[in-house]
C-alpha cells in the first residue's frame, strides 16, 4: 500500500508541476514581470511551500519536544542541501539528455546576472543563519535579531527581482490549461486568458503539489518505520527528497522547453527562500535546537556541503559567464558524499550523529 501511495503521490506532484509551470508563466506575463522574477520568486516560493510547511508543523505540533525540534531543524537544513546538490544533478542530467534537441547543446543559455544575484543572496543569508547556530548560550537572544535580519535580506532580494524590467517575450506561451471553453466546447481567447483563470490554475497546481508532497512524505515515513530507518536519515535525506520534487519537476519541464533561466532560477530562488524564511522559523520557535552540538554536527555539516556545491557549480559560471549541463553533475557526487556520512553515522562507523 505504501508503494502504491508513493506512485500516486508522484503522479499528483508531476501533474501539479506541469500545471504550475504553465500557470506561473502566464501569471508573470499578465503582470509583465521579468523572467528572473517569475522563476526565482513566484515559482520558487510556490514550490517551496511543501518543504516549508513540514518543519513548521513539526515544531508547532510537537509540544516543544526535542524530537520534534530535531525533525524540524533537520528538514530545514535538508532543503538547501538537496537543492544545491541533487536538484542541480537532476537538472544537469536533463540538459545532457536533451542536448541533441537543444540549439545550444549542453550549454545552458541562462541569464548569469539573475543566477549570480540569487547565489549571492543565498550565500549571505545562509552564512548568517548557520553562523547563528554557533552563538554561545549567553548570546542566544541574538537569534531573534538574526531572524529579523534574514527577513530583511529576503525582502530586499524580492524587491530586486520585482524591480527588474520585464523581458521581451521570447515566443508564444503554451495555451493555459484551464482556459475557458464556450457552450460548443471551443476555447475562447486561448492566447490571452483572464487573470482569474490563471490564478485558479496556479492555486489548483499548488494544492496538487502540496497534497502530493504530503502523501509522499507520509508513505516514506511509514516505510522508514517498517524498515527501522532512523529519524535522522528521514529528516536529513528522505523527507527533503520528497518535498523538493516540485522544484525538480518544474526545472525538468523548463529544460525540455529550452527555458533555462526559469529552470535554474526556480532552484536558486528556492535556495534563497529556504536559507532565509524557514531558518527564521527555527531561530524564533526552536532557537535552542538551532545550535551546533555533538549530536547535531552531522546535520549542520550539510550546510558546508551546500556551500561547496554552490562554489563548484557557479564559480566557473562567474568567470566564463556561461553555465553548462556537465557542471551541474558535481551536485550528485556531493550528495553521495554526504549520504555516505549519514549512513556511516547511523551504523556507528563515524563518531558523530
Protein backbone atom coordinates (compact mmCIF):
# COMPACT_ATOMS: atom_id res chain seq x y z
CA UNK A 1 0.00 0.00 0.00
CA UNK A 2 2.83 2.41 0.83
CA UNK A 3 4.39 1.78 -2.58
CA UNK A 4 1.05 2.49 -4.28
CA UNK A 5 0.70 5.74 -2.34
CA UNK A 6 4.22 6.73 -3.40
CA UNK A 7 3.32 6.19 -7.06
CA UNK A 8 0.03 8.10 -6.74
CA UNK A 9 1.80 10.97 -4.93
CA UNK A 10 4.47 11.02 -7.63
CA UNK A 11 1.81 11.38 -10.36
CA UNK A 12 -0.04 14.11 -8.43
CA UNK A 13 3.15 16.12 -7.96
CA UNK A 14 4.03 15.73 -11.64
CA UNK A 15 0.56 16.93 -12.66
CA UNK A 16 0.78 19.86 -10.27
CA UNK A 17 4.23 20.83 -11.54
CA UNK A 18 3.03 20.80 -15.16
CA UNK A 19 0.01 22.97 -14.33
CA UNK A 20 2.12 25.24 -12.13
CA UNK A 21 4.85 25.94 -14.69
CA UNK A 22 2.24 26.70 -17.34
CA UNK A 23 0.17 28.88 -15.00
CA UNK A 24 3.05 30.78 -13.39
CA UNK A 25 4.46 31.75 -16.81
CA UNK A 26 1.07 33.21 -17.75
CA UNK A 27 0.84 34.93 -14.35
CA UNK A 28 4.21 36.59 -14.95
CA UNK A 29 3.18 37.57 -18.48
CA UNK A 30 -0.08 39.11 -17.25
CA UNK A 31 1.80 41.15 -14.61
CA UNK A 32 4.61 41.98 -17.07
CA UNK A 33 7.28 40.61 -14.77
CA UNK A 34 10.84 39.82 -15.80
CA UNK A 35 11.72 36.18 -16.40
CA UNK A 36 14.01 36.20 -13.37
CA UNK A 37 11.15 37.29 -11.11
CA UNK A 38 8.91 34.53 -12.44
CA UNK A 39 11.48 31.78 -11.90
CA UNK A 40 13.32 32.99 -8.80
CA UNK A 41 10.41 34.47 -6.84
CA UNK A 42 6.99 33.26 -7.94
CA UNK A 43 7.89 29.70 -8.94
CA UNK A 44 10.48 29.28 -6.19
CA UNK A 45 8.22 30.42 -3.35
CA UNK A 46 5.24 28.46 -4.63
CA UNK A 47 7.07 25.15 -4.94
CA UNK A 48 8.93 25.72 -1.64
CA UNK A 49 5.68 25.56 0.31
CA UNK A 50 5.67 21.77 0.89
CA UNK A 51 9.10 21.59 2.48
CA UNK A 52 8.47 24.81 4.41
CA UNK A 53 5.27 23.53 6.00
CA UNK A 54 6.84 20.30 7.30
CA UNK A 55 9.25 21.90 9.81
CA UNK A 56 6.63 24.46 10.84
CA UNK A 57 4.12 21.70 11.59
CA UNK A 58 6.78 19.57 13.31
CA UNK A 59 7.85 22.42 15.59
CA UNK A 60 4.38 23.81 16.35
CA UNK A 61 2.62 20.48 16.91
CA UNK A 62 5.43 18.64 18.69
CA UNK A 63 4.75 20.14 22.07
CA UNK A 64 8.24 21.59 22.27
CA UNK A 65 9.84 18.15 22.42
CA UNK A 66 13.45 17.66 21.46
CA UNK A 67 12.47 15.12 18.81
CA UNK A 68 10.02 17.46 17.07
CA UNK A 69 12.52 20.31 17.09
CA UNK A 70 15.17 17.97 15.74
CA UNK A 71 12.93 16.86 12.87
CA UNK A 72 12.09 20.48 12.07
CA UNK A 73 15.71 21.61 12.08
CA UNK A 74 16.76 18.58 10.04
CA UNK A 75 14.13 19.33 7.40
CA UNK A 76 15.16 22.99 7.28
CA UNK A 77 18.83 22.10 6.79
CA UNK A 78 17.98 19.38 4.30
CA UNK A 79 16.19 21.67 1.84
CA UNK A 80 19.14 23.90 0.78
CA UNK A 81 21.35 20.82 0.74
CA UNK A 82 19.03 18.94 -1.62
CA UNK A 83 18.56 21.94 -3.90
CA UNK A 84 22.27 22.64 -4.22
CA UNK A 85 23.21 19.00 -4.84
CA UNK A 86 20.52 16.59 -6.03
CA UNK A 87 18.31 19.15 -7.79
CA UNK A 88 21.34 20.52 -9.64
CA UNK A 89 22.36 16.99 -10.63
CA UNK A 90 18.89 16.08 -11.94
CA UNK A 91 18.76 19.30 -13.97
CA UNK A 92 22.22 18.61 -15.40
CA UNK A 93 21.15 15.10 -16.44
CA UNK A 94 18.08 16.56 -18.15
CA UNK A 95 20.24 19.04 -20.08
CA UNK A 96 22.57 16.27 -21.26
CA UNK A 97 19.61 14.06 -22.20
CA UNK A 98 18.06 16.87 -24.27
CA UNK A 99 21.41 18.14 -25.66
CA UNK A 100 20.89 16.83 -29.21
CA UNK A 101 17.48 18.53 -29.39
CA UNK A 102 18.69 21.86 -27.97
CA UNK A 103 20.17 24.60 -30.21
CA UNK A 104 22.94 25.25 -27.66
CA UNK A 105 23.57 21.56 -26.90
CA UNK A 106 24.65 21.03 -23.31
CA UNK A 107 25.32 24.76 -22.80
CA UNK A 108 22.57 26.47 -20.81
CA UNK A 109 21.69 29.92 -22.23
CA UNK A 110 20.86 31.31 -18.81
CA UNK A 111 21.00 34.90 -17.63
CA UNK A 112 24.17 34.85 -15.46
CA UNK A 113 23.15 38.13 -13.81
CA UNK A 114 19.92 36.57 -12.47
CA UNK A 115 21.68 33.46 -11.18
CA UNK A 116 24.58 35.42 -9.67
CA UNK A 117 22.02 37.62 -7.89
CA UNK A 118 20.33 34.53 -6.41
CA UNK A 119 23.53 32.76 -5.40
CA UNK A 120 24.94 35.87 -3.75
CA UNK A 121 21.85 36.32 -1.58
CA UNK A 122 21.78 32.62 -0.74
CA UNK A 123 25.40 32.64 0.40
CA UNK A 124 24.92 35.73 2.58
CA UNK A 125 21.62 34.66 4.17
CA UNK A 126 22.63 31.06 4.79
CA UNK A 127 26.03 32.03 6.20
CA UNK A 128 24.30 34.35 8.67
CA UNK A 129 21.75 31.68 9.63
CA UNK A 130 24.40 28.99 10.12
CA UNK A 131 26.60 31.44 11.99
CA UNK A 132 23.78 31.94 14.50
CA UNK A 133 24.00 28.22 15.34
CA UNK A 134 27.46 28.84 16.80
CA UNK A 135 26.33 31.54 19.24
CA UNK A 136 27.26 30.75 22.85
CA UNK A 137 24.43 30.13 25.35
CA UNK A 138 24.69 33.62 26.87
CA UNK A 139 24.02 35.20 23.43
CA UNK A 140 21.05 33.04 22.39
CA UNK A 141 18.74 36.08 22.50
CA UNK A 142 20.59 37.45 19.46
CA UNK A 143 18.90 34.79 17.35
CA UNK A 144 15.79 36.96 17.25
CA UNK A 145 17.88 39.79 15.82
CA UNK A 146 19.34 37.40 13.26
CA UNK A 147 15.80 36.34 12.28
CA UNK A 148 14.83 39.96 11.64
CA UNK A 149 17.96 40.47 9.54
CA UNK A 150 17.16 37.39 7.45
CA UNK A 151 13.63 38.62 6.77
CA UNK A 152 15.05 41.97 5.68
CA UNK A 153 17.52 40.26 3.34
CA UNK A 154 14.79 38.25 1.67
CA UNK A 155 12.51 41.26 1.26
CA UNK A 156 15.37 43.16 -0.38
CA UNK A 157 16.10 40.17 -2.61
CA UNK A 158 12.48 40.01 -3.82
CA UNK A 159 12.46 43.76 -4.39
CA UNK A 160 15.50 43.43 -6.65
CA UNK A 161 13.74 40.88 -8.85
CA UNK A 162 10.42 42.71 -8.98
CA UNK A 163 12.13 45.99 -9.88
CA UNK A 164 13.79 44.39 -12.90
CA UNK A 165 12.37 45.38 -16.25
CA UNK A 166 10.14 42.81 -17.86
CA UNK A 167 11.92 40.93 -20.62
CA UNK A 168 10.52 40.85 -24.13
CA UNK A 169 8.52 37.72 -24.79
CA UNK A 170 10.82 35.21 -26.47
CA UNK A 171 7.96 33.32 -28.08
CA UNK A 172 4.35 32.40 -27.52
CA UNK A 173 3.48 30.58 -24.35
CA UNK A 174 1.65 27.28 -24.43
CA UNK A 175 -2.10 27.83 -24.02
CA UNK A 176 -3.28 27.94 -20.43
CA UNK A 177 -4.50 24.50 -19.39
CA UNK A 178 -7.53 25.98 -17.59
CA UNK A 179 -8.59 28.21 -20.49
CA UNK A 180 -12.33 28.70 -20.63
CA UNK A 181 -14.49 26.92 -23.23
CA UNK A 182 -17.73 28.24 -24.74
CA UNK A 183 -21.02 26.34 -24.92
CA UNK A 184 -19.94 24.45 -28.07
CA UNK A 185 -16.75 23.24 -26.38
CA UNK A 186 -14.40 25.62 -28.18
CA UNK A 187 -11.79 27.51 -26.15
CA UNK A 188 -12.29 31.26 -26.14
CA UNK A 189 -9.24 33.55 -26.27
CA UNK A 190 -6.74 30.69 -25.85
CA UNK A 191 -3.76 33.07 -26.21
CA UNK A 192 -4.96 35.69 -23.70
CA UNK A 193 -6.63 34.04 -20.68
CA UNK A 194 -8.15 36.13 -17.94
CA UNK A 195 -6.09 36.67 -14.80
CA UNK A 196 -8.66 35.00 -12.55
CA UNK A 197 -8.46 31.83 -14.66
CA UNK A 198 -4.66 31.95 -14.41
CA UNK A 199 -4.94 32.37 -10.63
CA UNK A 200 -7.32 29.40 -10.40
CA UNK A 201 -4.89 27.15 -12.25
CA UNK A 202 -1.90 28.25 -10.13
CA UNK A 203 -3.82 27.66 -6.87
CA UNK A 204 -5.05 24.27 -8.03
CA UNK A 205 -1.50 23.32 -9.06
CA UNK A 206 -0.13 24.37 -5.68
CA UNK A 207 -2.78 22.26 -3.97
CA UNK A 208 -1.70 19.26 -6.04
CA UNK A 209 1.97 19.88 -5.27
CA UNK A 210 1.43 20.30 -1.52
CA UNK A 211 -1.03 17.43 -1.26
CA UNK A 212 1.16 15.10 -3.31
CA UNK A 213 4.25 16.01 -1.29
CA UNK A 214 2.49 15.21 1.99
CA UNK A 215 1.26 11.90 0.64
CA UNK A 216 4.78 11.11 -0.50
CA UNK A 217 6.35 12.04 2.84
CA UNK A 218 3.73 10.09 4.78
CA UNK A 219 4.36 6.97 2.71
CA UNK A 220 8.12 7.37 3.02
CA UNK A 221 7.75 7.83 6.78
CA UNK A 222 5.70 4.63 7.04
CA UNK A 223 8.25 2.69 5.00
CA UNK A 224 11.10 4.06 7.10
CA UNK A 225 9.36 2.93 10.30
CA UNK A 226 8.73 -0.51 8.82
CA UNK A 227 12.35 -0.86 7.74
CA UNK A 228 13.69 0.56 11.00
CA UNK A 229 15.45 3.54 9.40
CA UNK A 230 16.40 6.23 11.93
CA UNK A 231 14.66 9.61 12.17
CA UNK A 232 17.98 11.29 11.37
CA UNK A 233 18.12 9.72 7.91
CA UNK A 234 14.45 10.53 7.36
CA UNK A 235 14.79 14.19 8.35
CA UNK A 236 18.07 14.87 6.57
CA UNK A 237 17.74 12.82 3.42
CA UNK A 238 14.45 11.07 2.66
CA UNK A 239 11.89 13.77 3.52
CA UNK A 240 13.70 16.56 1.60
CA UNK A 241 13.87 14.34 -1.49
CA UNK A 242 10.09 14.11 -1.46
CA UNK A 243 9.40 17.76 -0.75
CA UNK A 244 11.94 19.01 -3.30
CA UNK A 245 10.22 17.08 -6.10
CA UNK A 246 8.24 20.17 -7.26
CA UNK A 247 11.42 22.18 -7.93
CA UNK A 248 12.97 19.22 -9.75
CA UNK A 249 9.91 18.61 -11.91
CA UNK A 250 9.44 22.29 -12.73
CA UNK A 251 13.07 22.60 -13.76
CA UNK A 252 12.88 19.45 -15.90
CA UNK A 253 9.82 20.82 -17.69
CA UNK A 254 11.51 24.15 -18.38
CA UNK A 255 14.74 22.47 -19.55
CA UNK A 256 12.67 20.44 -22.00
CA UNK A 257 11.13 23.68 -23.25
CA UNK A 258 14.53 25.40 -23.54
CA UNK A 259 13.73 27.94 -20.79
CA UNK A 260 16.94 27.50 -18.82
CA UNK A 261 16.80 30.76 -16.86
CA UNK A 262 13.41 29.73 -15.48
CA UNK A 263 14.69 26.21 -14.78
CA UNK A 264 17.75 27.33 -12.84
CA UNK A 265 16.05 30.35 -11.28
CA UNK A 266 13.40 28.04 -9.85
CA UNK A 267 16.14 26.17 -7.96
CA UNK A 268 18.37 29.09 -6.96
CA UNK A 269 15.37 31.19 -5.94
CA UNK A 270 14.12 28.35 -3.75
CA UNK A 271 17.60 28.16 -2.20
CA UNK A 272 17.39 31.83 -1.22
CA UNK A 273 13.91 31.32 0.24
CA UNK A 274 14.99 28.23 2.18
CA UNK A 275 18.08 29.97 3.54
CA UNK A 276 16.03 32.86 4.91
CA UNK A 277 12.39 32.11 5.74
CA UNK A 278 12.40 28.55 7.22
CA UNK A 279 15.56 29.36 9.17
CA UNK A 280 13.66 32.24 10.74
CA UNK A 281 11.08 29.70 11.93
CA UNK A 282 13.85 27.68 13.58
CA UNK A 283 15.51 30.73 15.14
CA UNK A 284 12.27 32.07 16.60
CA UNK A 285 10.38 28.89 17.53
CA UNK A 286 13.21 26.42 18.17
CA UNK A 287 16.23 28.58 18.91
CA UNK A 288 17.80 26.10 21.31
CA UNK A 289 17.67 23.37 18.67
CA UNK A 290 19.34 25.64 16.10
CA UNK A 291 22.71 25.07 17.77
CA UNK A 292 25.77 23.11 16.70
CA UNK A 293 26.39 20.33 19.23
CA UNK A 294 27.96 16.90 19.13
CA UNK A 295 24.54 15.45 18.30
CA UNK A 296 23.75 17.96 15.54
CA UNK A 297 27.13 18.40 13.89
CA UNK A 298 26.20 15.99 11.10
CA UNK A 299 23.02 17.92 10.31
CA UNK A 300 24.87 21.23 10.13
CA UNK A 301 27.61 19.61 8.03
CA UNK A 302 25.02 19.57 5.21
CA UNK A 303 25.31 23.37 5.08
CA UNK A 304 29.03 23.04 4.38
CA UNK A 305 28.28 20.63 1.52
CA UNK A 306 25.74 23.11 0.15
CA UNK A 307 28.30 25.94 0.15
CA UNK A 308 30.86 23.71 -1.59
CA UNK A 309 28.33 22.73 -4.26
CA UNK A 310 27.40 26.34 -4.96
CA UNK A 311 31.05 27.37 -5.25
CA UNK A 312 31.92 24.43 -7.52
CA UNK A 313 28.94 24.92 -9.85
CA UNK A 314 28.61 28.69 -10.06
CA UNK A 315 32.23 29.74 -9.55
CA UNK A 316 33.16 28.79 -13.14
CA UNK A 317 29.97 30.47 -14.39
CA UNK A 318 31.07 33.79 -12.90
CA UNK A 319 34.46 33.50 -14.61
CA UNK A 320 33.19 32.36 -18.01
CA UNK A 321 29.69 33.93 -17.98
CA UNK A 322 28.43 30.53 -19.09
CA UNK A 323 26.79 27.53 -17.47
CA UNK A 324 26.63 24.06 -18.96
CA UNK A 325 24.90 20.84 -18.01
CA UNK A 326 28.00 18.82 -17.04
CA UNK A 327 28.91 21.44 -14.41
CA UNK A 328 25.72 20.58 -12.54
CA UNK A 329 26.63 16.91 -12.21
CA UNK A 330 29.05 17.63 -9.36
CA UNK A 331 25.99 18.10 -7.18
CA UNK A 332 25.29 14.38 -7.43
CA UNK A 333 28.79 13.48 -6.25
CA UNK A 334 28.50 15.79 -3.24
CA UNK A 335 25.08 14.36 -2.43
CA UNK A 336 26.52 10.83 -2.39
CA UNK A 337 29.40 12.03 -0.21
CA UNK A 338 27.03 13.40 2.41
CA UNK A 339 24.76 10.37 2.17
CA UNK A 340 27.80 8.26 2.98
CA UNK A 341 28.46 10.38 6.07
CA UNK A 342 24.86 9.96 7.24
CA UNK A 343 24.84 6.19 6.73
CA UNK A 344 28.24 5.94 8.41
CA UNK A 345 26.94 7.79 11.46
CA UNK A 346 23.80 5.66 11.66
CA UNK A 347 25.63 2.33 11.56
CA UNK A 348 28.25 3.61 14.01
CA UNK A 349 31.26 3.78 11.69
CA UNK A 350 31.62 7.52 12.18
CA UNK A 351 31.74 9.01 15.72
CA UNK A 352 29.01 11.63 15.32
CA UNK A 353 25.25 11.69 14.98
